[in-house]
C-alpha atoms as a PDB file:
ATOM      1  CA  MET A   1     127.177 114.718 177.645  1.00  0.00           C
ATOM      2  CA  LYS A   2     124.428 116.949 176.348  1.00  0.00           C
ATOM      3  CA  ASN A   3     126.244 117.489 173.044  1.00  0.00           C
ATOM      4  CA  LYS A   4     126.663 113.782 172.618  1.00  0.00           C
ATOM      5  CA  THR A   5     122.959 113.227 173.265  1.00  0.00           C
ATOM      6  CA  LYS A   6     122.043 115.913 170.675  1.00  0.00           C
ATOM      7  CA  THR A   7     124.279 114.285 168.096  1.00  0.00           C
ATOM      8  CA  LEU A   8     122.613 110.927 168.646  1.00  0.00           C
ATOM      9  CA  SER A   9     119.188 112.535 168.322  1.00  0.00           C
ATOM     10  CA  ILE A  10     120.107 114.096 165.006  1.00  0.00           C
ATOM     11  CA  LEU A  11     121.460 110.823 163.719  1.00  0.00           C
ATOM     12  CA  SER A  12     118.312 109.091 164.867  1.00  0.00           C
ATOM     13  CA  LEU A  13     116.121 111.600 163.011  1.00  0.00           C
ATOM     14  CA  PHE A  14     118.254 111.267 159.890  1.00  0.00           C
ATOM     15  CA  SER A  15     117.987 107.504 160.010  1.00  0.00           C
ATOM     16  CA  PHE A  16     114.257 107.728 160.569  1.00  0.00           C
ATOM     17  CA  GLY A  17     113.993 109.970 157.471  1.00  0.00           C
ATOM     18  CA  LEU A  18     115.863 107.430 155.401  1.00  0.00           C
ATOM     19  CA  MET A  19     113.449 104.750 156.584  1.00  0.00           C
ATOM     20  CA  ILE A  20     110.485 106.868 155.525  1.00  0.00           C
ATOM     21  CA  VAL A  21     112.002 107.398 152.102  1.00  0.00           C
ATOM     22  CA  ALA A  22     112.716 103.693 151.804  1.00  0.00           C
ATOM     23  CA  CYS A  23     109.160 102.864 152.814  1.00  0.00           C
ATOM     24  CA  ASP A  24     107.745 105.272 150.243  1.00  0.00           C
ATOM     25  CA  SER A  25     109.967 103.741 147.588  1.00  0.00           C
ATOM     26  CA  ALA A  26     108.825 100.277 148.523  1.00  0.00           C
ATOM     27  CA  GLN A  27     105.182 101.334 148.245  1.00  0.00           C
ATOM     28  CA  GLU A  28     105.599 102.864 144.748  1.00  0.00           C
ATOM     29  CA  PRO A  29     108.447 100.995 143.044  1.00  0.00           C
ATOM     30  CA  GLU A  30     109.791 102.599 139.878  1.00  0.00           C
ATOM     31  CA  VAL A  31     108.828 100.708 136.744  1.00  0.00           C
ATOM     32  CA  VAL A  32     111.540 100.532 134.122  1.00  0.00           C
ATOM     33  CA  ASN A  33     110.377  99.593 130.624  1.00  0.00           C
ATOM     34  CA  ASP A  34     113.194  97.855 128.783  1.00  0.00           C
ATOM     35  CA  GLU A  35     111.016  97.186 125.729  1.00  0.00           C
ATOM     36  CA  PRO A  36     111.990  99.275 122.663  1.00  0.00           C
ATOM     37  CA  VAL A  37     109.397 101.772 121.556  1.00  0.00           C
ATOM     38  CA  VAL A  38     107.894 100.557 118.285  1.00  0.00           C
ATOM     39  CA  GLU A  39     106.233 103.186 116.155  1.00  0.00           C
ATOM     40  CA  GLU A  40     103.204 102.170 114.174  1.00  0.00           C
ATOM     41  CA  PRO A  41     104.029 102.181 110.438  1.00  0.00           C
ATOM     42  CA  THR A  42     102.362 104.829 108.367  1.00  0.00           C
ATOM     43  CA  VAL A  43      99.814 103.147 106.149  1.00  0.00           C
ATOM     44  CA  GLU A  44      99.419 104.849 102.795  1.00  0.00           C
ATOM     45  CA  ALA A  45      96.163 104.718 100.948  1.00  0.00           C
ATOM     46  CA  PRO A  46      96.260 102.034  98.269  1.00  0.00           C
ATOM     47  CA  LYS A  47      97.140 103.358  94.839  1.00  0.00           C
ATOM     48  CA  SER A  48      95.268 102.217  91.776  1.00  0.00           C
ATOM     49  CA  ALA A  49      97.340 100.254  89.267  1.00  0.00           C
ATOM     50  CA  ARG A  50      95.032 101.401  86.524  1.00  0.00           C
ATOM     51  CA  PRO A  51      96.389 104.260  84.420  1.00  0.00           C
ATOM     52  CA  ALA A  52      94.326 107.322  83.631  1.00  0.00           C
ATOM     53  CA  GLU A  53      91.291 106.909  81.445  1.00  0.00           C
ATOM     54  CA  TRP A  54      91.454 108.291  77.942  1.00  0.00           C
ATOM     55  CA  GLY A  55      89.111 108.875  75.058  1.00  0.00           C
ATOM     56  CA  TYR A  56      88.815 110.175  71.525  1.00  0.00           C
ATOM     57  CA  VAL A  57      87.163 113.552  72.129  1.00  0.00           C
ATOM     58  CA  GLY A  58      87.396 116.415  74.568  1.00  0.00           C
ATOM     59  CA  GLU A  59      89.880 116.884  77.393  1.00  0.00           C
ATOM     60  CA  ASP A  60      91.059 113.258  77.377  1.00  0.00           C
ATOM     61  CA  GLY A  61      91.273 112.990  73.564  1.00  0.00           C
ATOM     62  CA  PRO A  62      94.361 112.083  71.484  1.00  0.00           C
ATOM     63  CA  ALA A  63      95.977 115.522  71.749  1.00  0.00           C
ATOM     64  CA  ALA A  64      96.063 115.128  75.540  1.00  0.00           C
ATOM     65  CA  TRP A  65      97.041 111.467  75.856  1.00  0.00           C
ATOM     66  CA  GLY A  66     100.708 112.203  76.507  1.00  0.00           C
ATOM     67  CA  SER A  67      99.898 114.373  79.530  1.00  0.00           C
ATOM     68  CA  LEU A  68      97.162 112.251  81.108  1.00  0.00           C
ATOM     69  CA  ASP A  69      99.555 109.820  82.801  1.00  0.00           C
ATOM     70  CA  PRO A  70     103.360 109.403  82.880  1.00  0.00           C
ATOM     71  CA  VAL A  71     103.021 105.931  81.357  1.00  0.00           C
ATOM     72  CA  TYR A  72     101.407 107.576  78.322  1.00  0.00           C
ATOM     73  CA  SER A  73     104.302 109.972  77.693  1.00  0.00           C
ATOM     74  CA  LEU A  74     105.271 108.402  74.342  1.00  0.00           C
ATOM     75  CA  CYS A  75     101.859 109.415  72.989  1.00  0.00           C
ATOM     76  CA  GLY A  76     103.158 112.977  73.052  1.00  0.00           C
ATOM     77  CA  THR A  77     106.928 112.636  72.655  1.00  0.00           C
ATOM     78  CA  GLY A  78     107.467 109.504  70.543  1.00  0.00           C
ATOM     79  CA  HIS A  79     108.924 109.768  67.048  1.00  0.00           C
ATOM     80  CA  SER A  80     107.825 106.288  65.917  1.00  0.00           C
ATOM     81  CA  GLN A  81     104.099 106.631  66.422  1.00  0.00           C
ATOM     82  CA  SER A  82     101.130 105.143  64.570  1.00  0.00           C
ATOM     83  CA  PRO A  83      99.016 105.576  62.521  1.00  0.00           C
ATOM     84  CA  ILE A  84     100.645 107.366  59.602  1.00  0.00           C
ATOM     85  CA  ASN A  85      99.746 108.463  56.092  1.00  0.00           C
ATOM     86  CA  LEU A  86     100.889 105.974  53.455  1.00  0.00           C
ATOM     87  CA  VAL A  87     101.723 106.942  49.880  1.00  0.00           C
ATOM     88  CA  ASN A  88     101.232 104.427  47.104  1.00  0.00           C
ATOM     89  CA  SER A  89     104.558 105.255  45.462  1.00  0.00           C
ATOM     90  CA  GLU A  90     106.498 104.562  48.662  1.00  0.00           C
ATOM     91  CA  GLY A  91     108.494 101.512  49.579  1.00  0.00           C
ATOM     92  CA  ALA A  92     110.546  98.750  48.050  1.00  0.00           C
ATOM     93  CA  ASN A  93     110.212  95.026  48.619  1.00  0.00           C
ATOM     94  CA  ASP A  94     112.304  94.472  51.700  1.00  0.00           C
ATOM     95  CA  VAL A  95     110.278  92.182  53.996  1.00  0.00           C
ATOM     96  CA  SER A  96     109.115  88.605  53.546  1.00  0.00           C
ATOM     97  CA  LEU A  97     105.626  87.980  54.880  1.00  0.00           C
ATOM     98  CA  ASP A  98     103.550  84.844  55.304  1.00  0.00           C
ATOM     99  CA  VAL A  99     100.076  84.545  56.806  1.00  0.00           C
ATOM    100  CA  ASN A 100      98.952  81.153  58.058  1.00  0.00           C
ATOM    101  CA  TYR A 101      95.547  81.617  59.659  1.00  0.00           C
ATOM    102  CA  GLY A 102      93.143  78.889  60.665  1.00  0.00           C
ATOM    103  CA  SER A 103      89.554  78.694  61.884  1.00  0.00           C
ATOM    104  CA  THR A 104      88.336  79.661  65.331  1.00  0.00           C
ATOM    105  CA  SER A 105      85.315  80.220  67.493  1.00  0.00           C
ATOM    106  CA  LEU A 106      85.077  83.792  68.741  1.00  0.00           C
ATOM    107  CA  ASN A 107      84.938  85.490  72.115  1.00  0.00           C
ATOM    108  CA  MET A 108      83.733  89.049  71.501  1.00  0.00           C
ATOM    109  CA  THR A 109      83.972  91.886  74.016  1.00  0.00           C
ATOM    110  CA  PHE A 110      82.844  95.510  73.771  1.00  0.00           C
ATOM    111  CA  ASN A 111      85.753  97.124  75.613  1.00  0.00           C
ATOM    112  CA  GLU A 112      85.881 100.423  77.368  1.00  0.00           C
ATOM    113  CA  HIS A 113      89.308  99.885  78.914  1.00  0.00           C
ATOM    114  CA  VAL A 114      91.071  96.532  78.827  1.00  0.00           C
ATOM    115  CA  HIS A 115      94.619  95.995  80.063  1.00  0.00           C
ATOM    116  CA  ASP A 116      95.742  93.069  77.976  1.00  0.00           C
ATOM    117  CA  ILE A 117      98.349  92.779  75.223  1.00  0.00           C
ATOM    118  CA  VAL A 118      96.962  96.023  73.873  1.00  0.00           C
ATOM    119  CA  ASP A 119      94.676  98.373  75.768  1.00  0.00           C
ATOM    120  CA  ASN A 120      91.954  98.366  73.143  1.00  0.00           C
ATOM    121  CA  GLY A 121      89.581 100.716  74.869  1.00  0.00           C
ATOM    122  CA  HIS A 122      86.499 101.829  72.985  1.00  0.00           C
ATOM    123  CA  THR A 123      86.288  99.013  70.453  1.00  0.00           C
ATOM    124  CA  ILE A 124      84.873  95.560  69.832  1.00  0.00           C
ATOM    125  CA  GLN A 125      87.565  92.935  70.230  1.00  0.00           C
ATOM    126  CA  MET A 126      87.503  89.325  69.016  1.00  0.00           C
ATOM    127  CA  ASP A 127      89.769  86.955  70.934  1.00  0.00           C
ATOM    128  CA  VAL A 128      90.751  83.902  68.894  1.00  0.00           C
ATOM    129  CA  GLU A 129      91.914  80.383  69.615  1.00  0.00           C
ATOM    130  CA  PRO A 130      95.665  79.617  69.422  1.00  0.00           C
ATOM    131  CA  GLY A 131      97.238  78.348  66.226  1.00  0.00           C
ATOM    132  CA  SER A 132      96.995  81.166  63.667  1.00  0.00           C
ATOM    133  CA  THR A 133     100.378  82.664  62.850  1.00  0.00           C
ATOM    134  CA  PHE A 134     102.003  85.467  60.929  1.00  0.00           C
ATOM    135  CA  LYS A 135     105.647  85.260  59.870  1.00  0.00           C
ATOM    136  CA  ILE A 136     107.793  88.335  59.160  1.00  0.00           C
ATOM    137  CA  ASN A 137     111.361  87.732  57.999  1.00  0.00           C
ATOM    138  CA  ASN A 138     111.163  84.231  59.488  1.00  0.00           C
ATOM    139  CA  LYS A 139     110.047  85.497  62.900  1.00  0.00           C
ATOM    140  CA  VAL A 140     106.757  83.919  63.931  1.00  0.00           C
ATOM    141  CA  TYR A 141     103.987  85.880  65.643  1.00  0.00           C
ATOM    142  CA  GLU A 142     100.771  84.295  66.906  1.00  0.00           C
ATOM    143  CA  LEU A 143      97.417  85.958  66.312  1.00  0.00           C
ATOM    144  CA  LYS A 144      95.830  86.930  69.643  1.00  0.00           C
ATOM    145  CA  GLN A 145      92.852  89.090  68.684  1.00  0.00           C
ATOM    146  CA  PHE A 146      91.447  91.501  66.148  1.00  0.00           C
ATOM    147  CA  HIS A 147      89.381  94.655  66.599  1.00  0.00           C
ATOM    148  CA  PHE A 148      87.753  97.523  64.683  1.00  0.00           C
ATOM    149  CA  HIS A 149      88.390 101.225  64.139  1.00  0.00           C
ATOM    150  CA  THR A 150      85.871 103.502  62.411  1.00  0.00           C
ATOM    151  CA  PRO A 151      86.879 105.375  60.361  1.00  0.00           C
ATOM    152  CA  SER A 152      90.333 104.042  59.509  1.00  0.00           C
ATOM    153  CA  GLU A 153      93.358 105.206  61.462  1.00  0.00           C
ATOM    154  CA  HIS A 154      95.884 104.867  58.628  1.00  0.00           C
ATOM    155  CA  THR A 155      95.311 106.907  55.510  1.00  0.00           C
ATOM    156  CA  VAL A 156      96.502 106.206  51.963  1.00  0.00           C
ATOM    157  CA  ASP A 157      97.405 109.283  49.919  1.00  0.00           C
ATOM    158  CA  GLY A 158      95.642 111.301  52.614  1.00  0.00           C
ATOM    159  CA  LYS A 159      92.396 109.344  52.309  1.00  0.00           C
ATOM    160  CA  HIS A 160      90.568 107.649  55.180  1.00  0.00           C
ATOM    161  CA  PHE A 161      88.655 104.400  54.703  1.00  0.00           C
ATOM    162  CA  PRO A 162      85.349 103.789  56.516  1.00  0.00           C
ATOM    163  CA  LEU A 163      86.733 100.853  58.537  1.00  0.00           C
ATOM    164  CA  GLU A 164      90.087  99.428  59.637  1.00  0.00           C
ATOM    165  CA  VAL A 165      90.634  96.031  61.243  1.00  0.00           C
ATOM    166  CA  HIS A 166      93.755  95.370  63.301  1.00  0.00           C
ATOM    167  CA  PHE A 167      94.954  91.785  63.668  1.00  0.00           C
ATOM    168  CA  VAL A 168      97.219  91.847  66.731  1.00  0.00           C
ATOM    169  CA  HIS A 169     100.026  89.297  67.005  1.00  0.00           C
ATOM    170  CA  GLN A 170     102.670  88.535  69.610  1.00  0.00           C
ATOM    171  CA  SER A 171     105.901  86.536  69.332  1.00  0.00           C
ATOM    172  CA  GLU A 172     107.381  84.260  71.975  1.00  0.00           C
ATOM    173  CA  ASP A 173     109.709  87.061  73.113  1.00  0.00           C
ATOM    174  CA  GLY A 174     106.772  89.453  73.565  1.00  0.00           C
ATOM    175  CA  ALA A 175     107.256  91.543  70.424  1.00  0.00           C
ATOM    176  CA  LEU A 176     104.126  92.850  68.725  1.00  0.00           C
ATOM    177  CA  ALA A 177     103.101  92.898  65.077  1.00  0.00           C
ATOM    178  CA  VAL A 178      99.857  94.270  63.693  1.00  0.00           C
ATOM    179  CA  LEU A 179      98.408  93.304  60.329  1.00  0.00           C
ATOM    180  CA  SER A 180      95.976  95.996  59.187  1.00  0.00           C
ATOM    181  CA  ALA A 181      93.199  95.717  56.608  1.00  0.00           C
ATOM    182  CA  LEU A 182      91.533  98.885  55.307  1.00  0.00           C
ATOM    183  CA  PHE A 183      87.940  98.162  54.255  1.00  0.00           C
ATOM    184  CA  LYS A 184      86.059 100.055  51.602  1.00  0.00           C
ATOM    185  CA  GLU A 185      82.312 100.220  51.137  1.00  0.00           C
ATOM    186  CA  GLY A 186      80.953  97.770  48.608  1.00  0.00           C
ATOM    187  CA  LYS A 187      79.741  94.208  48.456  1.00  0.00           C
ATOM    188  CA  GLU A 188      78.571  92.521  51.661  1.00  0.00           C
ATOM    189  CA  ASN A 189      81.355  90.605  53.401  1.00  0.00           C
ATOM    190  CA  VAL A 190      80.006  87.094  53.948  1.00  0.00           C
ATOM    191  CA  ASN A 191      82.740  86.067  56.376  1.00  0.00           C
ATOM    192  CA  PHE A 192      82.017  88.984  58.720  1.00  0.00           C
ATOM    193  CA  LYS A 193      78.262  88.478  58.526  1.00  0.00           C
ATOM    194  CA  PRO A 194      77.907  86.142  61.574  1.00  0.00           C
ATOM    195  CA  ILE A 195      80.165  88.411  63.616  1.00  0.00           C
ATOM    196  CA  ILE A 196      78.173  91.535  62.851  1.00  0.00           C
ATOM    197  CA  ALA A 197      74.913  89.719  63.544  1.00  0.00           C
ATOM    198  CA  ASN A 198      76.080  88.991  67.109  1.00  0.00           C
ATOM    199  CA  LEU A 199      77.943  92.161  68.071  1.00  0.00           C
ATOM    200  CA  PRO A 200      77.826  93.119  71.772  1.00  0.00           C
ATOM    201  CA  THR A 201      76.115  96.448  72.326  1.00  0.00           C
ATOM    202  CA  GLU A 202      76.919  97.320  75.954  1.00  0.00           C
ATOM    203  CA  LYS A 203      80.342  98.277  77.288  1.00  0.00           C
ATOM    204  CA  GLY A 204      81.932  95.396  79.148  1.00  0.00           C
ATOM    205  CA  GLN A 205      79.614  92.847  77.549  1.00  0.00           C
ATOM    206  CA  THR A 206      81.207  89.594  76.355  1.00  0.00           C
ATOM    207  CA  ILE A 207      79.607  87.180  73.913  1.00  0.00           C
ATOM    208  CA  GLN A 208      80.987  83.686  73.375  1.00  0.00           C
ATOM    209  CA  LEU A 209      80.150  82.431  69.907  1.00  0.00           C
ATOM    210  CA  GLU A 210      81.044  78.766  70.334  1.00  0.00           C
ATOM    211  CA  ASP A 211      78.808  77.675  67.450  1.00  0.00           C
ATOM    212  CA  VAL A 212      80.111  80.294  65.020  1.00  0.00           C
ATOM    213  CA  ILE A 213      83.352  79.227  63.348  1.00  0.00           C
ATOM    214  CA  SER A 214      85.218  82.011  61.619  1.00  0.00           C
ATOM    215  CA  ASP A 215      87.674  81.290  58.798  1.00  0.00           C
ATOM    216  CA  LEU A 216      90.312  83.828  59.732  1.00  0.00           C
ATOM    217  CA  ASN A 217      92.238  83.406  56.503  1.00  0.00           C
ATOM    218  CA  LEU A 218      89.233  84.805  54.632  1.00  0.00           C
ATOM    219  CA  HIS A 219      89.523  88.090  56.541  1.00  0.00           C
ATOM    220  CA  VAL A 220      92.821  88.858  54.795  1.00  0.00           C
ATOM    221  CA  PRO A 221      93.074  89.302  50.998  1.00  0.00           C
ATOM    222  CA  ALA A 222      95.169  86.527  49.487  1.00  0.00           C
ATOM    223  CA  ASN A 223      98.352  87.434  47.596  1.00  0.00           C
ATOM    224  CA  SER A 224      98.170  91.063  48.662  1.00  0.00           C
ATOM    225  CA  SER A 225     100.937  93.634  48.661  1.00  0.00           C
ATOM    226  CA  ALA A 226     101.488  95.613  51.839  1.00  0.00           C
ATOM    227  CA  PHE A 227     103.131  98.667  53.344  1.00  0.00           C
ATOM    228  CA  THR A 228     105.549  97.842  56.162  1.00  0.00           C
ATOM    229  CA  TYR A 229     107.011 100.131  58.792  1.00  0.00           C
ATOM    230  CA  THR A 230     107.952 100.289  62.473  1.00  0.00           C
ATOM    231  CA  GLY A 231     105.453 102.164  64.599  1.00  0.00           C
ATOM    232  CA  SER A 232     103.521 102.028  67.838  1.00  0.00           C
ATOM    233  CA  LEU A 233     100.277 101.034  69.425  1.00  0.00           C
ATOM    234  CA  THR A 234      97.559 103.463  68.339  1.00  0.00           C
ATOM    235  CA  THR A 235      96.089 103.593  71.853  1.00  0.00           C
ATOM    236  CA  PRO A 236      97.739 104.530  75.170  1.00  0.00           C
ATOM    237  CA  PRO A 237     100.408 103.817  76.276  1.00  0.00           C
ATOM    238  CA  CYS A 238     101.451 104.184  72.594  1.00  0.00           C
ATOM    239  CA  SER A 239     104.362 101.731  73.044  1.00  0.00           C
ATOM    240  CA  GLU A 240     106.795 101.748  70.131  1.00  0.00           C
ATOM    241  CA  ASP A 241     108.775  99.055  68.256  1.00  0.00           C
ATOM    242  CA  VAL A 242     105.579  97.553  66.849  1.00  0.00           C
ATOM    243  CA  GLN A 243     105.893  95.977  63.399  1.00  0.00           C
ATOM    244  CA  TRP A 244     103.117  97.225  61.124  1.00  0.00           C
ATOM    245  CA  VAL A 245     101.912  95.579  57.920  1.00  0.00           C
ATOM    246  CA  VAL A 246      99.123  97.517  56.168  1.00  0.00           C
ATOM    247  CA  LEU A 247      97.559  95.677  53.236  1.00  0.00           C
ATOM    248  CA  LYS A 248      97.333  97.523  49.918  1.00  0.00           C
ATOM    249  CA  ASP A 249      94.334  95.519  48.699  1.00  0.00           C
ATOM    250  CA  HIS A 250      91.095  96.659  50.265  1.00  0.00           C
ATOM    251  CA  PRO A 251      88.339  94.141  51.046  1.00  0.00           C
ATOM    252  CA  THR A 252      84.736  95.332  51.152  1.00  0.00           C
ATOM    253  CA  MET A 253      81.900  95.505  53.601  1.00  0.00           C
ATOM    254  CA  SER A 254      78.431  96.738  52.820  1.00  0.00           C
ATOM    255  CA  ALA A 255      77.279 100.119  54.045  1.00  0.00           C
ATOM    256  CA  ALA A 256      74.932  98.329  56.448  1.00  0.00           C
ATOM    257  CA  GLN A 257      77.755  96.218  57.883  1.00  0.00           C
ATOM    258  CA  ILE A 258      80.057  99.192  58.376  1.00  0.00           C
ATOM    259  CA  GLY A 259      77.178 101.190  59.853  1.00  0.00           C
ATOM    260  CA  ALA A 260      76.355  98.423  62.328  1.00  0.00           C
ATOM    261  CA  ILE A 261      79.900  98.468  63.720  1.00  0.00           C
ATOM    262  CA  SER A 262      80.215 102.248  63.697  1.00  0.00           C
ATOM    263  CA  ALA A 263      76.883 102.681  65.475  1.00  0.00           C
ATOM    264  CA  ILE A 264      78.242 100.724  68.445  1.00  0.00           C
ATOM    265  CA  ILE A 265      81.838 101.899  68.783  1.00  0.00           C
ATOM    266  CA  GLY A 266      81.552 105.408  67.325  1.00  0.00           C
ATOM    267  CA  ALA A 267      84.588 107.295  66.002  1.00  0.00           C
ATOM    268  CA  ASN A 268      87.663 105.661  67.530  1.00  0.00           C
ATOM    269  CA  ASN A 269      90.526 106.607  65.230  1.00  0.00           C
ATOM    270  CA  ARG A 270      93.703 108.321  66.371  1.00  0.00           C
ATOM    271  CA  PRO A 271      94.860 111.073  63.982  1.00  0.00           C
ATOM    272  CA  VAL A 272      97.848 110.337  61.736  1.00  0.00           C
ATOM    273  CA  GLN A 273     101.269 110.949  63.300  1.00  0.00           C
ATOM    274  CA  GLY A 274     104.520 112.388  61.972  1.00  0.00           C
ATOM    275  CA  LEU A 275     106.826 110.087  60.002  1.00  0.00           C
ATOM    276  CA  TYR A 276     110.086 111.716  61.212  1.00  0.00           C
ATOM    277  CA  GLU A 277     113.119 109.709  60.019  1.00  0.00           C
ATOM    278  CA  ARG A 278     111.281 106.468  59.354  1.00  0.00           C
ATOM    279  CA  THR A 279     111.110 104.771  55.990  1.00  0.00           C
ATOM    280  CA  ILE A 280     108.168 102.826  54.608  1.00  0.00           C
ATOM    281  CA  GLY A 281     108.763  99.493  52.942  1.00  0.00           C
ATOM    282  CA  SER A 282     106.571  97.436  50.661  1.00  0.00           C
ATOM    283  CA  SER A 283     106.273  93.707  50.375  1.00  0.00           C
ATOM    284  CA  HIS A 284     104.136  90.849  49.172  1.00  0.00           C
ATOM    285  CA  VAL A 285     102.024  88.838  51.576  1.00  0.00           C
ATOM    286  CA  GLY A 286     102.167  85.121  50.804  1.00  0.00           C
ATOM    287  CA  GLU A 287      98.967  83.238  50.095  1.00  0.00           C
ATOM    288  CA  THR A 288      96.957  82.572  53.230  1.00  0.00           C
ATOM    289  CA  SER A 289      96.201  78.987  54.082  1.00  0.00           C
ATOM    290  CA  ALA A 290      93.408  77.459  56.153  1.00  0.00           C
ATOM    291  CA  LYS A 291      94.171  74.815  58.740  1.00  0.00           C
END
């Protein structure tokens, strides 16, 4: 009888222990989180879309362009780069050219760095109204803008000119063509006179000359011969497959006019580049016509 009583007591204590455990569990129920753990995404600092700045002297000058930014690599490795030295005896007539420029008001900007059709940093750029075209072998390019380089970037027989003007064109498929005029010092250029009188003088400054109408056809010598070759942009990123037409006839500007431009933009000419396997053609530019 005693053993039976002891067994019941033990069972009673065991049951009482289970009740205590159950009570404790009821007081502090276990919380199960079925929600998946979501880690916060790592937010990277925003990266600038603007490539590295470049210049014409010092550590960011032309010799270093190719290493300043990966997008500039062609500036150092390309074999179809511009400008080049042109030799008067070079080239045969192999390209048909026709210039059909009209009149336009001008929007002038003194650029430091502009990411447009061409990154024409460090120059004065004139944006023009639509409608002026340039045809090369029956492919039509529309004039977008023109800008200055002092002294010239291209040389002829190793000789620089005091001023070079680039007329930048783009076709419907995005191809680029540049018509270049090398200016020599001489008689005052009447057609450039209103432009030079209103040049912006501070970087980033834009001047809209709505009342000044420029006859663009007068900027290009009529019935001129020209050097033709395939090259590149003369500023970073130095993109290649650019059609170049460099006029052989050289219009004039007065020393004062050239000095006024040079005083603002300074020396902004890239040194001549190697020709490599390229050939230089020569052709006749058809008579310009005003619209």
